[in-house]
Amino acid sequence: MTETAKKATTPKKPRATVAKSTAPKAAATKTKTARSKVTMMPSHEEIAALAHRFWTERGQEHGHHEEDWHRAEQQLFGKAS
């Protein structure tokens, strides 16, 4: 007579539950979590306008456009988060 052994099975992991959202998909992509408020990402035009303002305030000195751009990004993204 041949004995067959049952394979030991590992316990199944519980499924992660996904909260259903009633918000439109466009709004859902702009939020970090379901509980955080909606944050808008600054547009290219907004960053450019602020960088231009920094350039003007500096006396329109050429050669620092990247610094102005990064400063504008940091300021606007800081407001967004």
N, C-alpha and C. Protein backbone atom coordinates (compact mmCIF):
# COMPACT_ATOMS: atom_id res chain seq x y z
N MET A 1 0.83 -1.16 0.00
CA MET A 1 0.00 0.00 0.00
C MET A 1 0.89 1.25 0.00
N THR A 2 0.54 2.21 -0.81
CA THR A 2 1.34 3.41 -0.94
C THR A 2 0.70 4.54 -0.16
N GLU A 3 1.49 5.21 0.62
CA GLU A 3 0.97 6.34 1.38
C GLU A 3 1.30 7.63 0.63
N THR A 4 0.33 8.50 0.56
CA THR A 4 0.57 9.81 -0.04
C THR A 4 0.53 10.85 1.06
N ALA A 5 1.51 11.68 1.07
CA ALA A 5 1.58 12.72 2.10
C ALA A 5 1.03 14.02 1.51
N LYS A 6 0.25 14.70 2.29
CA LYS A 6 -0.26 16.00 1.86
C LYS A 6 0.86 17.02 1.95
N LYS A 7 0.89 17.89 0.95
CA LYS A 7 1.89 18.94 0.97
C LYS A 7 1.47 19.99 2.01
N ALA A 8 2.45 20.45 2.72
CA ALA A 8 2.18 21.50 3.70
C ALA A 8 1.98 22.81 2.95
N THR A 9 0.90 23.46 3.24
CA THR A 9 0.65 24.73 2.57
C THR A 9 0.89 25.86 3.56
N THR A 10 1.39 26.93 3.03
CA THR A 10 1.61 28.10 3.88
C THR A 10 0.30 28.85 3.99
N PRO A 11 0.06 29.47 5.12
CA PRO A 11 -1.19 30.22 5.26
C PRO A 11 -1.20 31.39 4.28
N LYS A 12 -2.36 31.63 3.71
CA LYS A 12 -2.50 32.71 2.75
C LYS A 12 -2.48 34.05 3.46
N LYS A 13 -1.84 35.01 2.79
CA LYS A 13 -1.79 36.35 3.35
C LYS A 13 -3.13 37.03 3.12
N PRO A 14 -3.58 37.83 4.07
CA PRO A 14 -4.84 38.53 3.87
C PRO A 14 -4.69 39.57 2.77
N ARG A 15 -5.73 39.72 2.00
CA ARG A 15 -5.72 40.71 0.93
C ARG A 15 -5.78 42.10 1.50
N ALA A 16 -5.06 42.98 0.85
CA ALA A 16 -5.12 44.38 1.25
C ALA A 16 -6.42 44.96 0.72
N THR A 17 -7.11 45.67 1.57
CA THR A 17 -8.36 46.26 1.13
C THR A 17 -8.08 47.59 0.48
N VAL A 18 -8.77 47.85 -0.59
CA VAL A 18 -8.61 49.10 -1.32
C VAL A 18 -9.84 49.95 -1.05
N ALA A 19 -9.60 51.16 -0.57
CA ALA A 19 -10.71 52.06 -0.30
C ALA A 19 -11.27 52.56 -1.62
N LYS A 20 -12.57 52.46 -1.77
CA LYS A 20 -13.20 52.97 -2.98
C LYS A 20 -13.40 54.47 -2.83
N SER A 21 -13.07 55.16 -3.87
CA SER A 21 -13.16 56.61 -3.85
C SER A 21 -14.28 57.06 -4.76
N THR A 22 -14.99 58.08 -4.31
CA THR A 22 -16.05 58.63 -5.15
C THR A 22 -15.54 59.84 -5.92
N ALA A 23 -14.27 60.22 -5.68
CA ALA A 23 -13.69 61.37 -6.36
C ALA A 23 -13.37 61.01 -7.80
N PRO A 24 -13.46 61.97 -8.70
CA PRO A 24 -13.10 61.69 -10.09
C PRO A 24 -11.62 61.32 -10.20
N LYS A 25 -11.27 60.60 -11.26
CA LYS A 25 -9.90 60.15 -11.43
C LYS A 25 -8.93 61.31 -11.51
N ALA A 26 -9.28 62.39 -12.15
CA ALA A 26 -8.38 63.53 -12.29
C ALA A 26 -7.99 64.08 -10.92
N ALA A 27 -8.95 64.18 -10.03
CA ALA A 27 -8.66 64.70 -8.69
C ALA A 27 -7.86 63.68 -7.89
N ALA A 28 -8.12 62.40 -8.11
CA ALA A 28 -7.42 61.37 -7.36
C ALA A 28 -5.94 61.33 -7.71
N THR A 29 -5.57 61.68 -8.93
CA THR A 29 -4.17 61.63 -9.31
C THR A 29 -3.39 62.79 -8.72
N LYS A 30 -4.07 63.82 -8.25
CA LYS A 30 -3.40 64.99 -7.70
C LYS A 30 -3.22 64.91 -6.20
N THR A 31 -3.76 63.88 -5.57
CA THR A 31 -3.65 63.77 -4.12
C THR A 31 -2.60 62.74 -3.76
N LYS A 32 -1.98 62.92 -2.62
CA LYS A 32 -1.00 61.96 -2.15
C LYS A 32 -1.70 60.78 -1.49
N THR A 33 -2.68 61.08 -0.67
CA THR A 33 -3.47 60.04 -0.03
C THR A 33 -4.92 60.46 -0.09
N ALA A 34 -5.79 59.55 0.25
CA ALA A 34 -7.21 59.85 0.21
C ALA A 34 -7.58 60.93 1.23
N ARG A 35 -6.80 61.06 2.29
CA ARG A 35 -7.12 62.00 3.35
C ARG A 35 -6.48 63.37 3.17
N SER A 36 -5.48 63.47 2.29
CA SER A 36 -4.83 64.76 2.13
C SER A 36 -5.64 65.65 1.21
N LYS A 37 -5.40 66.94 1.32
CA LYS A 37 -6.13 67.86 0.47
C LYS A 37 -5.55 67.83 -0.94
N VAL A 38 -6.32 68.25 -1.90
CA VAL A 38 -5.90 68.24 -3.30
C VAL A 38 -4.83 69.31 -3.49
N THR A 39 -3.71 68.92 -4.09
CA THR A 39 -2.64 69.86 -4.37
C THR A 39 -2.42 69.91 -5.87
N MET A 40 -2.24 71.10 -6.37
CA MET A 40 -2.01 71.29 -7.79
C MET A 40 -0.52 71.42 -8.03
N MET A 41 -0.04 70.81 -9.06
CA MET A 41 1.36 70.93 -9.45
C MET A 41 1.52 72.23 -10.23
N PRO A 42 2.58 72.97 -9.97
CA PRO A 42 2.78 74.21 -10.71
C PRO A 42 3.08 73.91 -12.18
N SER A 43 2.56 74.74 -13.05
CA SER A 43 2.76 74.55 -14.48
C SER A 43 4.12 75.10 -14.90
N HIS A 44 4.51 74.75 -16.10
CA HIS A 44 5.77 75.24 -16.67
C HIS A 44 5.72 76.76 -16.76
N GLU A 45 4.57 77.30 -17.12
CA GLU A 45 4.42 78.74 -17.26
C GLU A 45 4.57 79.45 -15.91
N GLU A 46 4.03 78.85 -14.85
CA GLU A 46 4.15 79.45 -13.52
C GLU A 46 5.61 79.48 -13.06
N ILE A 47 6.32 78.38 -13.31
CA ILE A 47 7.73 78.32 -12.94
C ILE A 47 8.51 79.36 -13.74
N ALA A 48 8.23 79.45 -15.04
CA ALA A 48 8.94 80.40 -15.90
C ALA A 48 8.68 81.83 -15.46
N ALA A 49 7.44 82.15 -15.10
CA ALA A 49 7.11 83.51 -14.68
C ALA A 49 7.83 83.88 -13.39
N LEU A 50 7.89 82.95 -12.45
CA LEU A 50 8.58 83.23 -11.20
C LEU A 50 10.09 83.34 -11.42
N ALA A 51 10.65 82.48 -12.26
CA ALA A 51 12.08 82.56 -12.58
C ALA A 51 12.40 83.89 -13.26
N HIS A 52 11.50 84.35 -14.11
CA HIS A 52 11.69 85.64 -14.77
C HIS A 52 11.66 86.77 -13.75
N ARG A 53 10.77 86.66 -12.78
CA ARG A 53 10.70 87.68 -11.73
C ARG A 53 12.00 87.72 -10.92
N PHE A 54 12.56 86.53 -10.61
CA PHE A 54 13.83 86.48 -9.89
C PHE A 54 14.93 87.13 -10.71
N TRP A 55 14.94 86.87 -12.02
CA TRP A 55 15.94 87.44 -12.92
C TRP A 55 15.83 88.96 -12.95
N THR A 56 14.59 89.46 -13.00
CA THR A 56 14.35 90.90 -13.03
C THR A 56 14.79 91.54 -11.71
N GLU A 57 14.47 90.90 -10.60
CA GLU A 57 14.84 91.43 -9.29
C GLU A 57 16.36 91.47 -9.10
N ARG A 58 17.07 90.58 -9.78
CA ARG A 58 18.52 90.53 -9.68
C ARG A 58 19.18 91.53 -10.62
N GLY A 59 18.39 92.31 -11.35
CA GLY A 59 18.95 93.31 -12.25
C GLY A 59 19.18 92.79 -13.65
N GLN A 60 18.47 91.74 -14.03
CA GLN A 60 18.54 91.13 -15.36
C GLN A 60 19.96 90.71 -15.74
N GLU A 61 20.66 90.21 -14.74
CA GLU A 61 22.03 89.72 -14.95
C GLU A 61 21.96 88.34 -15.60
N HIS A 62 22.64 88.20 -16.72
CA HIS A 62 22.62 86.93 -17.46
C HIS A 62 23.59 85.92 -16.85
N GLY A 63 23.33 84.66 -17.16
CA GLY A 63 24.22 83.59 -16.72
C GLY A 63 23.77 82.84 -15.49
N HIS A 64 22.61 83.20 -14.94
CA HIS A 64 22.12 82.53 -13.73
C HIS A 64 20.71 81.98 -13.92
N HIS A 65 20.34 81.67 -15.16
CA HIS A 65 18.98 81.23 -15.44
C HIS A 65 18.64 79.90 -14.77
N GLU A 66 19.62 79.00 -14.68
CA GLU A 66 19.35 77.71 -14.03
C GLU A 66 19.09 77.89 -12.53
N GLU A 67 19.86 78.77 -11.90
CA GLU A 67 19.64 79.04 -10.48
C GLU A 67 18.25 79.62 -10.26
N ASP A 68 17.84 80.56 -11.14
CA ASP A 68 16.50 81.16 -11.02
C ASP A 68 15.42 80.11 -11.21
N TRP A 69 15.62 79.23 -12.18
CA TRP A 69 14.63 78.19 -12.47
C TRP A 69 14.49 77.24 -11.28
N HIS A 70 15.60 76.78 -10.75
CA HIS A 70 15.56 75.85 -9.61
C HIS A 70 14.97 76.52 -8.37
N ARG A 71 15.29 77.76 -8.16
CA ARG A 71 14.72 78.49 -7.02
C ARG A 71 13.21 78.62 -7.16
N ALA A 72 12.75 78.90 -8.39
CA ALA A 72 11.31 79.01 -8.64
C ALA A 72 10.63 77.67 -8.43
N GLU A 73 11.23 76.59 -8.91
CA GLU A 73 10.66 75.25 -8.71
C GLU A 73 10.55 74.94 -7.22
N GLN A 74 11.63 75.19 -6.49
CA GLN A 74 11.62 74.88 -5.06
C GLN A 74 10.54 75.67 -4.33
N GLN A 75 10.40 76.93 -4.69
CA GLN A 75 9.40 77.75 -4.02
C GLN A 75 7.99 77.28 -4.34
N LEU A 76 7.73 76.99 -5.62
CA LEU A 76 6.38 76.58 -6.01
C LEU A 76 6.05 75.17 -5.56
N PHE A 77 7.00 74.26 -5.64
CA PHE A 77 6.74 72.90 -5.16
C PHE A 77 6.63 72.88 -3.65
N GLY A 78 7.31 73.78 -2.98
CA GLY A 78 7.18 73.89 -1.53
C GLY A 78 5.78 74.30 -1.13
N LYS A 79 5.17 75.17 -1.93
CA LYS A 79 3.79 75.59 -1.68
C LYS A 79 2.82 74.46 -1.99
N ALA A 80 3.16 73.62 -3.00
CA ALA A 80 2.26 72.56 -3.44
C ALA A 80 2.18 71.42 -2.45
N SER A 81 3.25 71.18 -1.69
CA SER A 81 3.21 70.04 -0.78
C SER A 81 2.78 70.40 0.61
